[in-house]
Amino acid sequence: MLDESLYPLVDQLEHDMAAKVTGMLLKMDLTEVLHLLESPEALKAKVVEAVELIVNVH
């Protein structure tokens, strides 16, 4: 259920890697994920961080 709420928000910020980024975020602690759903600024920062990790690993 969290993924259904989180994915559209991530997709707006990072369309090309939305599924992968959402999967990464869902591995975080539940309270952190809930915070991201409530805070657009925190979500944007985490999405940027996740994309950087994906790009640097590949």
PDB file of N, CA and C in Angstrom:
ATOM      1  N   MET A   1       0.814  -1.198   0.000  1.00  0.00           N
ATOM      2  CA  MET A   1       0.000   0.000   0.000  1.00  0.00           C
ATOM      3  C   MET A   1       0.862   1.268   0.000  1.00  0.00           C
ATOM      4  N   LEU A   2       1.965   1.230   0.735  1.00  0.00           N
ATOM      5  CA  LEU A   2       2.863   2.383   0.730  1.00  0.00           C
ATOM      6  C   LEU A   2       3.400   2.666  -0.665  1.00  0.00           C
ATOM      7  N   ASP A   3       3.701   1.611  -1.405  1.00  0.00           N
ATOM      8  CA  ASP A   3       4.239   1.812  -2.750  1.00  0.00           C
ATOM      9  C   ASP A   3       3.251   2.548  -3.646  1.00  0.00           C
ATOM     10  N   GLU A   4       1.954   2.314  -3.445  1.00  0.00           N
ATOM     11  CA  GLU A   4       0.942   2.989  -4.255  1.00  0.00           C
ATOM     12  C   GLU A   4       0.881   4.484  -3.949  1.00  0.00           C
ATOM     13  N   SER A   5       1.247   4.855  -2.739  1.00  0.00           N
ATOM     14  CA  SER A   5       1.286   6.273  -2.366  1.00  0.00           C
ATOM     15  C   SER A   5       2.608   6.912  -2.778  1.00  0.00           C
ATOM     16  N   LEU A   6       3.680   6.158  -2.630  1.00  0.00           N
ATOM     17  CA  LEU A   6       5.021   6.700  -2.861  1.00  0.00           C
ATOM     18  C   LEU A   6       5.386   6.795  -4.334  1.00  0.00           C
ATOM     19  N   TYR A   7       5.047   5.778  -5.104  1.00  0.00           N
ATOM     20  CA  TYR A   7       5.477   5.732  -6.510  1.00  0.00           C
ATOM     21  C   TYR A   7       5.075   6.970  -7.315  1.00  0.00           C
ATOM     22  N   PRO A   8       3.816   7.409  -7.263  1.00  0.00           N
ATOM     23  CA  PRO A   8       3.460   8.586  -8.072  1.00  0.00           C
ATOM     24  C   PRO A   8       4.256   9.839  -7.691  1.00  0.00           C
ATOM     25  N   LEU A   9       4.577   9.973  -6.417  1.00  0.00           N
ATOM     26  CA  LEU A   9       5.370  11.126  -5.974  1.00  0.00           C
ATOM     27  C   LEU A   9       6.796  11.043  -6.503  1.00  0.00           C
ATOM     28  N   VAL A  10       7.367   9.856  -6.434  1.00  0.00           N
ATOM     29  CA  VAL A  10       8.727   9.653  -6.957  1.00  0.00           C
ATOM     30  C   VAL A  10       8.726   9.837  -8.471  1.00  0.00           C
ATOM     31  N   ASP A  11       7.704   9.333  -9.138  1.00  0.00           N
ATOM     32  CA  ASP A  11       7.604   9.429 -10.596  1.00  0.00           C
ATOM     33  C   ASP A  11       7.599  10.883 -11.057  1.00  0.00           C
ATOM     34  N   GLN A  12       6.991  11.763 -10.290  1.00  0.00           N
ATOM     35  CA  GLN A  12       6.978  13.191 -10.645  1.00  0.00           C
ATOM     36  C   GLN A  12       8.370  13.798 -10.557  1.00  0.00           C
ATOM     37  N   LEU A  13       9.181  13.287  -9.656  1.00  0.00           N
ATOM     38  CA  LEU A  13      10.527  13.830  -9.445  1.00  0.00           C
ATOM     39  C   LEU A  13      11.567  13.173 -10.337  1.00  0.00           C
ATOM     40  N   GLU A  14      11.410  11.881 -10.589  1.00  0.00           N
ATOM     41  CA  GLU A  14      12.413  11.114 -11.351  1.00  0.00           C
ATOM     42  C   GLU A  14      11.710  10.020 -12.134  1.00  0.00           C
ATOM     43  N   HIS A  15      11.215  10.385 -13.302  1.00  0.00           N
ATOM     44  CA  HIS A  15      10.394   9.461 -14.085  1.00  0.00           C
ATOM     45  C   HIS A  15      11.174   8.225 -14.549  1.00  0.00           C
ATOM     46  N   ASP A  16      12.374   8.421 -15.065  1.00  0.00           N
ATOM     47  CA  ASP A  16      13.120   7.320 -15.682  1.00  0.00           C
ATOM     48  C   ASP A  16      13.481   6.201 -14.708  1.00  0.00           C
ATOM     49  N   MET A  17      13.722   6.547 -13.459  1.00  0.00           N
ATOM     50  CA  MET A  17      14.138   5.541 -12.473  1.00  0.00           C
ATOM     51  C   MET A  17      13.139   5.412 -11.331  1.00  0.00           C
ATOM     52  N   ALA A  18      11.895   5.774 -11.560  1.00  0.00           N
ATOM     53  CA  ALA A  18      10.898   5.826 -10.487  1.00  0.00           C
ATOM     54  C   ALA A  18      10.712   4.475  -9.793  1.00  0.00           C
ATOM     55  N   ALA A  19      10.632   3.411 -10.548  1.00  0.00           N
ATOM     56  CA  ALA A  19      10.399   2.097  -9.946  1.00  0.00           C
ATOM     57  C   ALA A  19      11.577   1.684  -9.057  1.00  0.00           C
ATOM     58  N   LYS A  20      12.779   1.867  -9.567  1.00  0.00           N
ATOM     59  CA  LYS A  20      13.973   1.479  -8.807  1.00  0.00           C
ATOM     60  C   LYS A  20      14.133   2.337  -7.548  1.00  0.00           C
ATOM     61  N   VAL A  21      13.930   3.640  -7.697  1.00  0.00           N
ATOM     62  CA  VAL A  21      14.049   4.551  -6.548  1.00  0.00           C
ATOM     63  C   VAL A  21      12.978   4.230  -5.510  1.00  0.00           C
ATOM     64  N   THR A  22      11.757   3.997  -5.951  1.00  0.00           N
ATOM     65  CA  THR A  22      10.675   3.653  -5.020  1.00  0.00           C
ATOM     66  C   THR A  22      11.028   2.389  -4.247  1.00  0.00           C
ATOM     67  N   GLY A  23      11.549   1.391  -4.943  1.00  0.00           N
ATOM     68  CA  GLY A  23      11.961   0.155  -4.287  1.00  0.00           C
ATOM     69  C   GLY A  23      13.024   0.402  -3.228  1.00  0.00           C
ATOM     70  N   MET A  24      13.971   1.270  -3.546  1.00  0.00           N
ATOM     71  CA  MET A  24      15.022   1.596  -2.573  1.00  0.00           C
ATOM     72  C   MET A  24      14.432   2.286  -1.343  1.00  0.00           C
ATOM     73  N   LEU A  25      13.527   3.224  -1.578  1.00  0.00           N
ATOM     74  CA  LEU A  25      12.937   3.972  -0.469  1.00  0.00           C
ATOM     75  C   LEU A  25      12.088   3.069   0.420  1.00  0.00           C
ATOM     76  N   LEU A  26      11.427   2.094  -0.186  1.00  0.00           N
ATOM     77  CA  LEU A  26      10.570   1.195   0.588  1.00  0.00           C
ATOM     78  C   LEU A  26      11.368   0.260   1.492  1.00  0.00           C
ATOM     79  N   LYS A  27      12.675   0.151   1.264  1.00  0.00           N
ATOM     80  CA  LYS A  27      13.529  -0.663   2.129  1.00  0.00           C
ATOM     81  C   LYS A  27      13.930   0.082   3.402  1.00  0.00           C
ATOM     82  N   MET A  28      13.614   1.369   3.439  1.00  0.00           N
ATOM     83  CA  MET A  28      13.935   2.172   4.614  1.00  0.00           C
ATOM     84  C   MET A  28      12.968   1.841   5.752  1.00  0.00           C
ATOM     85  N   ASP A  29      13.280   2.339   6.920  1.00  0.00           N
ATOM     86  CA  ASP A  29      12.409   2.184   8.086  1.00  0.00           C
ATOM     87  C   ASP A  29      11.039   2.803   7.801  1.00  0.00           C
ATOM     88  N   LEU A  30      10.001   2.164   8.275  1.00  0.00           N
ATOM     89  CA  LEU A  30       8.632   2.610   8.006  1.00  0.00           C
ATOM     90  C   LEU A  30       8.401   4.056   8.408  1.00  0.00           C
ATOM     91  N   THR A  31       8.905   4.465   9.563  1.00  0.00           N
ATOM     92  CA  THR A  31       8.682   5.844  10.008  1.00  0.00           C
ATOM     93  C   THR A  31       9.361   6.842   9.072  1.00  0.00           C
ATOM     94  N   GLU A  32      10.511   6.469   8.513  1.00  0.00           N
ATOM     95  CA  GLU A  32      11.188   7.344   7.556  1.00  0.00           C
ATOM     96  C   GLU A  32      10.384   7.466   6.265  1.00  0.00           C
ATOM     97  N   VAL A  33       9.835   6.354   5.807  1.00  0.00           N
ATOM     98  CA  VAL A  33       9.024   6.376   4.581  1.00  0.00           C
ATOM     99  C   VAL A  33       7.783   7.236   4.793  1.00  0.00           C
ATOM    100  N   LEU A  34       7.142   7.094   5.935  1.00  0.00           N
ATOM    101  CA  LEU A  34       5.963   7.916   6.231  1.00  0.00           C
ATOM    102  C   LEU A  34       6.331   9.393   6.265  1.00  0.00           C
ATOM    103  N   HIS A  35       7.497   9.703   6.805  1.00  0.00           N
ATOM    104  CA  HIS A  35       7.966  11.096   6.822  1.00  0.00           C
ATOM    105  C   HIS A  35       8.137  11.620   5.390  1.00  0.00           C
ATOM    106  N   LEU A  36       8.673  10.793   4.500  1.00  0.00           N
ATOM    107  CA  LEU A  36       8.859  11.212   3.112  1.00  0.00           C
ATOM    108  C   LEU A  36       7.531  11.513   2.437  1.00  0.00           C
ATOM    109  N   LEU A  37       6.507  10.747   2.787  1.00  0.00           N
ATOM    110  CA  LEU A  37       5.181  10.983   2.210  1.00  0.00           C
ATOM    111  C   LEU A  37       4.599  12.317   2.682  1.00  0.00           C
ATOM    112  N   GLU A  38       4.993  12.752   3.852  1.00  0.00           N
ATOM    113  CA  GLU A  38       4.463  13.993   4.420  1.00  0.00           C
ATOM    114  C   GLU A  38       5.316  15.212   4.105  1.00  0.00           C
ATOM    115  N   SER A  39       6.551  15.003   3.690  1.00  0.00           N
ATOM    116  CA  SER A  39       7.484  16.114   3.475  1.00  0.00           C
ATOM    117  C   SER A  39       8.050  16.087   2.062  1.00  0.00           C
ATOM    118  N   PRO A  40       7.510  16.919   1.181  1.00  0.00           N
ATOM    119  CA  PRO A  40       8.032  16.954  -0.199  1.00  0.00           C
ATOM    120  C   PRO A  40       9.521  17.280  -0.275  1.00  0.00           C
ATOM    121  N   GLU A  41      10.001  18.122   0.631  1.00  0.00           N
ATOM    122  CA  GLU A  41      11.421  18.480   0.617  1.00  0.00           C
ATOM    123  C   GLU A  41      12.294  17.283   0.970  1.00  0.00           C
ATOM    124  N   ALA A  42      11.877  16.538   1.982  1.00  0.00           N
ATOM    125  CA  ALA A  42      12.639  15.353   2.386  1.00  0.00           C
ATOM    126  C   ALA A  42      12.593  14.292   1.296  1.00  0.00           C
ATOM    127  N   LEU A  43      11.447  14.133   0.661  1.00  0.00           N
ATOM    128  CA  LEU A  43      11.320  13.162  -0.419  1.00  0.00           C
ATOM    129  C   LEU A  43      12.241  13.523  -1.573  1.00  0.00           C
ATOM    130  N   LYS A  44      12.245  14.785  -1.953  1.00  0.00           N
ATOM    131  CA  LYS A  44      13.096  15.215  -3.059  1.00  0.00           C
ATOM    132  C   LYS A  44      14.572  14.943  -2.756  1.00  0.00           C
ATOM    133  N   ALA A  45      14.989  15.226  -1.531  1.00  0.00           N
ATOM    134  CA  ALA A  45      16.381  14.990  -1.138  1.00  0.00           C
ATOM    135  C   ALA A  45      16.725  13.504  -1.211  1.00  0.00           C
ATOM    136  N   LYS A  46      15.820  12.647  -0.740  1.00  0.00           N
ATOM    137  CA  LYS A  46      16.069  11.201  -0.775  1.00  0.00           C
ATOM    138  C   LYS A  46      16.074  10.677  -2.202  1.00  0.00           C
ATOM    139  N   VAL A  47      15.214  11.205  -3.050  1.00  0.00           N
ATOM    140  CA  VAL A  47      15.185  10.778  -4.451  1.00  0.00           C
ATOM    141  C   VAL A  47      16.502  11.152  -5.132  1.00  0.00           C
ATOM    142  N   VAL A  48      16.972  12.357  -4.897  1.00  0.00           N
ATOM    143  CA  VAL A  48      18.260  12.788  -5.464  1.00  0.00           C
ATOM    144  C   VAL A  48      19.379  11.873  -4.974  1.00  0.00           C
ATOM    145  N   GLU A  49      19.373  11.572  -3.694  1.00  0.00           N
ATOM    146  CA  GLU A  49      20.390  10.684  -3.100  1.00  0.00           C
ATOM    147  C   GLU A  49      20.330   9.287  -3.734  1.00  0.00           C
ATOM    148  N   ALA A  50      19.122   8.763  -3.912  1.00  0.00           N
ATOM    149  CA  ALA A  50      18.960   7.428  -4.497  1.00  0.00           C
ATOM    150  C   ALA A  50      19.424   7.398  -5.943  1.00  0.00           C
ATOM    151  N   VAL A  51      19.091   8.423  -6.704  1.00  0.00           N
ATOM    152  CA  VAL A  51      19.510   8.486  -8.114  1.00  0.00           C
ATOM    153  C   VAL A  51      21.032   8.546  -8.202  1.00  0.00           C
ATOM    154  N   GLU A  52      21.651   9.334  -7.331  1.00  0.00           N
ATOM    155  CA  GLU A  52      23.119   9.413  -7.320  1.00  0.00           C
ATOM    156  C   GLU A  52      23.731   8.051  -7.035  1.00  0.00           C
ATOM    157  N   LEU A  53      23.143   7.311  -6.093  1.00  0.00           N
ATOM    158  CA  LEU A  53      23.638   5.964  -5.786  1.00  0.00           C
ATOM    159  C   LEU A  53      23.517   5.051  -7.002  1.00  0.00           C
ATOM    160  N   ILE A  54      22.374   5.092  -7.663  1.00  0.00           N
ATOM    161  CA  ILE A  54      22.143   4.241  -8.844  1.00  0.00           C
ATOM    162  C   ILE A  54      23.154   4.575  -9.937  1.00  0.00           C
ATOM    163  N   VAL A  55      23.325   5.856 -10.198  1.00  0.00           N
ATOM    164  CA  VAL A  55      24.232   6.293 -11.265  1.00  0.00           C
ATOM    165  C   VAL A  55      25.675   5.921 -10.937  1.00  0.00           C
ATOM    166  N   ASN A  56      26.083   6.103  -9.696  1.00  0.00           N
ATOM    167  CA  ASN A  56      27.465   5.822  -9.300  1.00  0.00           C
ATOM    168  C   ASN A  56      27.772   4.333  -9.251  1.00  0.00           C
ATOM    169  N   VAL A  57      26.775   3.496  -8.998  1.00  0.00           N
ATOM    170  CA  VAL A  57      26.992   2.053  -8.948  1.00  0.00           C
ATOM    171  C   VAL A  57      27.117   1.482 -10.348  1.00  0.00           C
ATOM    172  N   HIS A  58      26.394   2.037 -11.277  1.00  0.00           N
ATOM    173  CA  HIS A  58      26.437   1.520 -12.655  1.00  0.00           C
ATOM    174  C   HIS A  58      27.532   2.211 -13.370  1.00  0.00           C
TER     175      HIS A  58
END
